[in-house]
C-alpha atoms as a PDB file:
ATOM      1  CA  MET A   1     -19.789  11.806  33.298  1.00  0.00           C
ATOM      2  CA  LYS A   2     -18.560  13.257  29.979  1.00  0.00           C
ATOM      3  CA  LYS A   3     -15.534  14.808  31.724  1.00  0.00           C
ATOM      4  CA  ILE A   4     -14.541  11.475  33.265  1.00  0.00           C
ATOM      5  CA  THR A   5     -14.841   9.702  29.903  1.00  0.00           C
ATOM      6  CA  LEU A   6     -12.748  12.368  28.158  1.00  0.00           C
ATOM      7  CA  ILE A   7     -10.060  12.221  30.867  1.00  0.00           C
ATOM      8  CA  LEU A   8      -9.968   8.403  30.629  1.00  0.00           C
ATOM      9  CA  ILE A   9      -9.622   8.550  26.835  1.00  0.00           C
ATOM     10  CA  LEU A  10      -6.785  11.072  27.103  1.00  0.00           C
ATOM     11  CA  PHE A  11      -5.030   8.964  29.767  1.00  0.00           C
ATOM     12  CA  VAL A  12      -5.262   5.759  27.717  1.00  0.00           C
ATOM     13  CA  GLY A  13      -3.989   7.655  24.659  1.00  0.00           C
ATOM     14  CA  PHE A  14      -0.768   8.477  26.540  1.00  0.00           C
ATOM     15  CA  LEU A  15      -0.402   5.052  28.130  1.00  0.00           C
ATOM     16  CA  SER A  16       2.999   3.495  27.654  1.00  0.00           C
ATOM     17  CA  PHE A  17       4.555   0.356  29.104  1.00  0.00           C
ATOM     18  CA  ALA A  18       8.174  -0.498  29.910  1.00  0.00           C
ATOM     19  CA  GLN A  19       9.862  -2.487  27.145  1.00  0.00           C
ATOM     20  CA  PRO A  20      10.426  -6.224  27.702  1.00  0.00           C
ATOM     21  CA  SER A  21      13.275  -6.916  30.128  1.00  0.00           C
ATOM     22  CA  THR A  22      15.108  -9.092  27.591  1.00  0.00           C
ATOM     23  CA  PHE A  23      14.974  -8.881  23.819  1.00  0.00           C
ATOM     24  CA  MET A  24      17.148  -9.313  20.738  1.00  0.00           C
ATOM     25  CA  ASP A  25      17.605  -6.060  18.784  1.00  0.00           C
ATOM     26  CA  LEU A  26      17.534  -6.891  15.066  1.00  0.00           C
ATOM     27  CA  GLY A  27      18.220  -3.313  13.965  1.00  0.00           C
ATOM     28  CA  ASN A  28      16.656  -1.241  11.203  1.00  0.00           C
ATOM     29  CA  LEU A  29      14.528  -2.974   8.566  1.00  0.00           C
ATOM     30  CA  GLY A  30      14.449   0.087   6.306  1.00  0.00           C
ATOM     31  CA  PRO A  31      11.658   2.451   5.295  1.00  0.00           C
ATOM     32  CA  ALA A  32       8.019   2.125   6.328  1.00  0.00           C
ATOM     33  CA  GLY A  33       6.072  -0.557   4.501  1.00  0.00           C
ATOM     34  CA  THR A  34       4.421  -3.936   4.814  1.00  0.00           C
ATOM     35  CA  PHE A  35       6.330  -6.644   6.673  1.00  0.00           C
ATOM     36  CA  THR A  36       5.615 -10.323   7.333  1.00  0.00           C
ATOM     37  CA  PHE A  37       6.888 -11.898  10.555  1.00  0.00           C
ATOM     38  CA  ASP A  38       6.671 -15.679  10.942  1.00  0.00           C
ATOM     39  CA  THR A  39       7.971 -18.516  13.112  1.00  0.00           C
ATOM     40  CA  ASN A  40       8.623 -21.138  10.415  1.00  0.00           C
ATOM     41  CA  ASN A  41      11.275 -23.693  11.419  1.00  0.00           C
ATOM     42  CA  SER A  42      10.920 -23.174  15.186  1.00  0.00           C
ATOM     43  CA  LEU A  43      11.767 -26.416  16.995  1.00  0.00           C
ATOM     44  CA  ASN A  44      11.448 -28.000  20.420  1.00  0.00           C
ATOM     45  CA  THR A  45      14.761 -29.607  21.317  1.00  0.00           C
ATOM     46  CA  ALA A  46      13.997 -31.121  24.765  1.00  0.00           C
ATOM     47  CA  PRO A  47      12.255 -32.913  26.375  1.00  0.00           C
ATOM     48  CA  PHE A  48      10.158 -33.239  23.210  1.00  0.00           C
ATOM     49  CA  ALA A  49      11.847 -33.086  19.816  1.00  0.00           C
ATOM     50  CA  GLY A  50      10.045 -31.706  16.792  1.00  0.00           C
ATOM     51  CA  ASN A  51       8.318 -28.617  15.467  1.00  0.00           C
ATOM     52  CA  THR A  52       7.154 -26.093  18.054  1.00  0.00           C
ATOM     53  CA  ASP A  53       3.505 -25.028  17.956  1.00  0.00           C
ATOM     54  CA  THR A  54       4.033 -21.253  18.179  1.00  0.00           C
ATOM     55  CA  ALA A  55       2.107 -18.037  18.652  1.00  0.00           C
ATOM     56  CA  ILE A  56       3.406 -14.624  17.574  1.00  0.00           C
ATOM     57  CA  GLY A  57       2.594 -11.107  18.753  1.00  0.00           C
ATOM     58  CA  LEU A  58       3.506  -7.647  17.444  1.00  0.00           C
ATOM     59  CA  TRP A  59       3.593  -4.551  19.706  1.00  0.00           C
ATOM     60  CA  ASP A  60       4.408  -0.917  19.091  1.00  0.00           C
ATOM     61  CA  ALA A  61       7.049   0.845  21.215  1.00  0.00           C
ATOM     62  CA  ALA A  62       4.380   1.889  23.744  1.00  0.00           C
ATOM     63  CA  GLY A  63       3.484  -1.770  24.381  1.00  0.00           C
ATOM     64  CA  ILE A  64       0.153  -1.766  22.553  1.00  0.00           C
ATOM     65  CA  VAL A  65      -0.662  -5.001  20.688  1.00  0.00           C
ATOM     66  CA  ILE A  66      -0.927  -4.426  16.949  1.00  0.00           C
ATOM     67  CA  ALA A  67      -1.463  -8.021  15.832  1.00  0.00           C
ATOM     68  CA  SER A  68      -1.119 -11.617  16.991  1.00  0.00           C
ATOM     69  CA  ASP A  69      -1.552 -15.079  15.522  1.00  0.00           C
ATOM     70  CA  ASP A  70      -1.652 -18.721  16.589  1.00  0.00           C
ATOM     71  CA  ASP A  71      -1.310 -21.298  13.783  1.00  0.00           C
ATOM     72  CA  GLY A  72      -1.957 -18.951  10.848  1.00  0.00           C
ATOM     73  CA  GLY A  73       1.352 -19.817   9.224  1.00  0.00           C
ATOM     74  CA  THR A  74       2.699 -23.056   7.805  1.00  0.00           C
ATOM     75  CA  GLY A  75       1.425 -26.007   9.876  1.00  0.00           C
ATOM     76  CA  ALA A  76       1.382 -25.042  13.555  1.00  0.00           C
ATOM     77  CA  TRP A  77       3.703 -22.061  13.031  1.00  0.00           C
ATOM     78  CA  SER A  78       2.439 -18.490  13.181  1.00  0.00           C
ATOM     79  CA  THR A  79       2.554 -15.396  10.979  1.00  0.00           C
ATOM     80  CA  VAL A  80       1.508 -11.739  11.016  1.00  0.00           C
ATOM     81  CA  THR A  81       1.641  -9.269   8.153  1.00  0.00           C
ATOM     82  CA  GLU A  82       1.284  -5.573   8.942  1.00  0.00           C
ATOM     83  CA  THR A  83       1.976  -2.210   7.349  1.00  0.00           C
ATOM     84  CA  LEU A  84       4.284  -0.376   9.757  1.00  0.00           C
ATOM     85  CA  ALA A  85       5.149   3.324   9.976  1.00  0.00           C
ATOM     86  CA  ASP A  86       8.522   4.624  11.168  1.00  0.00           C
ATOM     87  CA  GLY A  87       9.174   3.620  14.773  1.00  0.00           C
ATOM     88  CA  GLU A  88      10.246   0.781  17.053  1.00  0.00           C
ATOM     89  CA  TYR A  89       8.342  -2.497  17.282  1.00  0.00           C
ATOM     90  CA  TYR A  90       8.609  -5.683  19.328  1.00  0.00           C
ATOM     91  CA  ILE A  91       7.800  -9.174  18.110  1.00  0.00           C
ATOM     92  CA  GLY A  92       7.180 -11.903  20.668  1.00  0.00           C
ATOM     93  CA  ILE A  93       7.179 -15.660  20.088  1.00  0.00           C
ATOM     94  CA  GLY A  94       5.533 -17.991  22.569  1.00  0.00           C
ATOM     95  CA  GLU A  95       3.980 -21.427  22.589  1.00  0.00           C
ATOM     96  CA  PHE A  96       0.462 -22.216  21.333  1.00  0.00           C
ATOM     97  CA  ASN A  97      -2.570 -20.680  23.052  1.00  0.00           C
ATOM     98  CA  CYS A  98      -0.687 -17.529  24.052  1.00  0.00           C
ATOM     99  CA  VAL A  99      -2.880 -14.504  24.638  1.00  0.00           C
ATOM    100  CA  PHE A 100      -0.745 -11.449  23.957  1.00  0.00           C
ATOM    101  CA  THR A 101      -2.023  -8.238  25.563  1.00  0.00           C
ATOM    102  CA  ASP A 102      -0.964  -4.624  25.970  1.00  0.00           C
ATOM    103  CA  GLY A 103       2.103  -4.141  28.142  1.00  0.00           C
ATOM    104  CA  PHE A 104       4.103  -6.866  26.350  1.00  0.00           C
ATOM    105  CA  LEU A 105       2.189  -9.513  28.311  1.00  0.00           C
ATOM    106  CA  ASN A 106       1.500 -13.165  27.562  1.00  0.00           C
ATOM    107  CA  THR A 107      -1.511 -14.141  29.657  1.00  0.00           C
ATOM    108  CA  GLY A 108      -2.139 -17.484  27.964  1.00  0.00           C
ATOM    109  CA  SER A 109      -0.448 -20.846  28.265  1.00  0.00           C
ATOM    110  CA  GLY A 110       3.284 -21.155  28.017  1.00  0.00           C
ATOM    111  CA  PHE A 111       6.127 -23.573  27.723  1.00  0.00           C
ATOM    112  CA  GLU A 112       6.477 -26.541  30.042  1.00  0.00           C
ATOM    113  CA  SER A 113       9.052 -26.104  32.800  1.00  0.00           C
ATOM    114  CA  GLY A 114      12.464 -27.217  31.536  1.00  0.00           C
ATOM    115  CA  GLU A 115      11.459 -27.128  27.873  1.00  0.00           C
ATOM    116  CA  LEU A 116      14.186 -26.170  25.385  1.00  0.00           C
ATOM    117  CA  ALA A 117      13.306 -24.582  22.074  1.00  0.00           C
ATOM    118  CA  ASP A 118      14.845 -22.870  19.077  1.00  0.00           C
ATOM    119  CA  LEU A 119      12.383 -20.042  18.390  1.00  0.00           C
ATOM    120  CA  VAL A 120      12.933 -18.675  14.887  1.00  0.00           C
ATOM    121  CA  LEU A 121      11.798 -15.248  13.712  1.00  0.00           C
ATOM    122  CA  ASN A 122      11.679 -14.781   9.953  1.00  0.00           C
ATOM    123  CA  ILE A 123      11.081 -11.371   8.402  1.00  0.00           C
ATOM    124  CA  ASP A 124       9.727 -11.377   4.866  1.00  0.00           C
ATOM    125  CA  GLY A 125      10.752 -15.023   4.507  1.00  0.00           C
ATOM    126  CA  VAL A 126      14.353 -14.553   5.680  1.00  0.00           C
ATOM    127  CA  GLU A 127      15.620 -15.881   9.019  1.00  0.00           C
ATOM    128  CA  ALA A 128      16.393 -12.793  11.112  1.00  0.00           C
ATOM    129  CA  GLY A 129      16.865 -14.074  14.657  1.00  0.00           C
ATOM    130  CA  VAL A 130      16.752 -17.229  16.766  1.00  0.00           C
ATOM    131  CA  HIS A 131      16.260 -17.624  20.495  1.00  0.00           C
ATOM    132  CA  VAL A 132      18.060 -20.819  21.504  1.00  0.00           C
ATOM    133  CA  GLY A 133      17.705 -22.238  24.964  1.00  0.00           C
ATOM    134  CA  ALA A 134      15.617 -22.669  28.049  1.00  0.00           C
ATOM    135  CA  SER A 135      12.050 -21.435  27.921  1.00  0.00           C
ATOM    136  CA  ASP A 136      12.149 -20.875  31.707  1.00  0.00           C
ATOM    137  CA  ALA A 137      14.466 -17.891  31.174  1.00  0.00           C
ATOM    138  CA  LEU A 138      12.062 -16.070  28.847  1.00  0.00           C
ATOM    139  CA  ASP A 139      10.333 -12.843  29.890  1.00  0.00           C
ATOM    140  CA  GLN A 140       6.592 -13.678  30.130  1.00  0.00           C
ATOM    141  CA  GLU A 141       7.435 -17.078  28.544  1.00  0.00           C
ATOM    142  CA  THR A 142       7.956 -15.138  25.335  1.00  0.00           C
ATOM    143  CA  ALA A 143      11.091 -14.589  23.214  1.00  0.00           C
ATOM    144  CA  PHE A 144      11.125 -10.891  22.283  1.00  0.00           C
ATOM    145  CA  PHE A 145      12.769  -9.297  19.245  1.00  0.00           C
ATOM    146  CA  LYS A 146      12.994  -5.555  18.542  1.00  0.00           C
ATOM    147  CA  VAL A 147      13.031  -3.956  15.096  1.00  0.00           C
ATOM    148  CA  THR A 148      13.214  -0.349  13.960  1.00  0.00           C
ATOM    149  CA  ILE A 149      11.403   0.930  10.877  1.00  0.00           C
ATOM    150  CA  GLY A 150      12.645   4.071   9.127  1.00  0.00           C
ATOM    151  CA  THR A 151      15.166   5.129   6.546  1.00  0.00           C
ATOM    152  CA  PRO A 152      18.601   4.881   8.183  1.00  0.00           C
ATOM    153  CA  THR A 153      20.853   7.909   8.020  1.00  0.00           C
ATOM    154  CA  PRO A 154      24.252   6.767   6.715  1.00  0.00           C
ATOM    155  CA  SER A 155      27.177   7.734   8.900  1.00  0.00           C
ATOM    156  CA  SER A 156      30.282   9.037   7.195  1.00  0.00           C
ATOM    157  CA  THR A 157      32.383   6.702   9.346  1.00  0.00           C
ATOM    158  CA  PHE A 158      30.599   3.601   8.060  1.00  0.00           C
ATOM    159  CA  CYS A 159      29.497   4.318   4.527  1.00  0.00           C
ATOM    160  CA  SER A 160      28.642   6.963   2.008  1.00  0.00           C
ATOM    161  CA  GLU A 161      25.539   7.406  -0.128  1.00  0.00           C
ATOM    162  CA  GLU A 162      27.191   5.183  -2.739  1.00  0.00           C
ATOM    163  CA  THR A 163      27.900   2.378  -0.251  1.00  0.00           C
ATOM    164  CA  PRO A 164      24.855   0.437   0.993  1.00  0.00           C
ATOM    165  CA  LEU A 165      24.542  -0.466   4.649  1.00  0.00           C
ATOM    166  CA  PRO A 166      25.726  -4.036   5.278  1.00  0.00           C
ATOM    167  CA  ILE A 167      23.132  -6.737   5.944  1.00  0.00           C
ATOM    168  CA  ASP A 168      24.083  -8.808   8.949  1.00  0.00           C
ATOM    169  CA  PRO A 169      23.529 -12.576   9.149  1.00  0.00           C
ATOM    170  CA  PRO A 170      20.761 -13.839  11.481  1.00  0.00           C
ATOM    171  CA  THR A 171      21.299 -13.028  15.126  1.00  0.00           C
ATOM    172  CA  VAL A 172      21.264 -15.900  17.624  1.00  0.00           C
ATOM    173  CA  PHE A 173      21.036 -15.533  21.359  1.00  0.00           C
ATOM    174  CA  SER A 174      20.633 -18.182  24.001  1.00  0.00           C
ATOM    175  CA  THR A 175      19.645 -18.323  27.629  1.00  0.00           C
END
């Protein structure tokens, strides 16, 4: 029995899931540290107009859930704050009562068929990306965003040590 348990633990330790089929890559956030991801200002645009009651999930590159939240932010919006090491991470935004699980899954409730929403991801209080469009087109009824943590290596073709990397405006994609 001990051998089976040890083998199972080793197998789960190496478990990795395929990344979400669609996501917005927001690039490198800089060196390891503590980051806050929230959904403030997310809106339903049709058939109901108004603030969207969101849930947010955070996964590592292997698809393991690190954190999730439903309504812990301002009003019905959601927020997670985590200390992240160098690596790639995925943030998912869904509608209230989402249950985010390993494998980038949303096993809870989702958007109504035909619902349109502007799902906003803020990082450390700054708008970083917006999914605009039909919720029916979302992977697992979740808008996924990818970020990389780690000190970027400047390229001589783009900048030198004296020239900081440019900060891009928020990224918007629609379905």
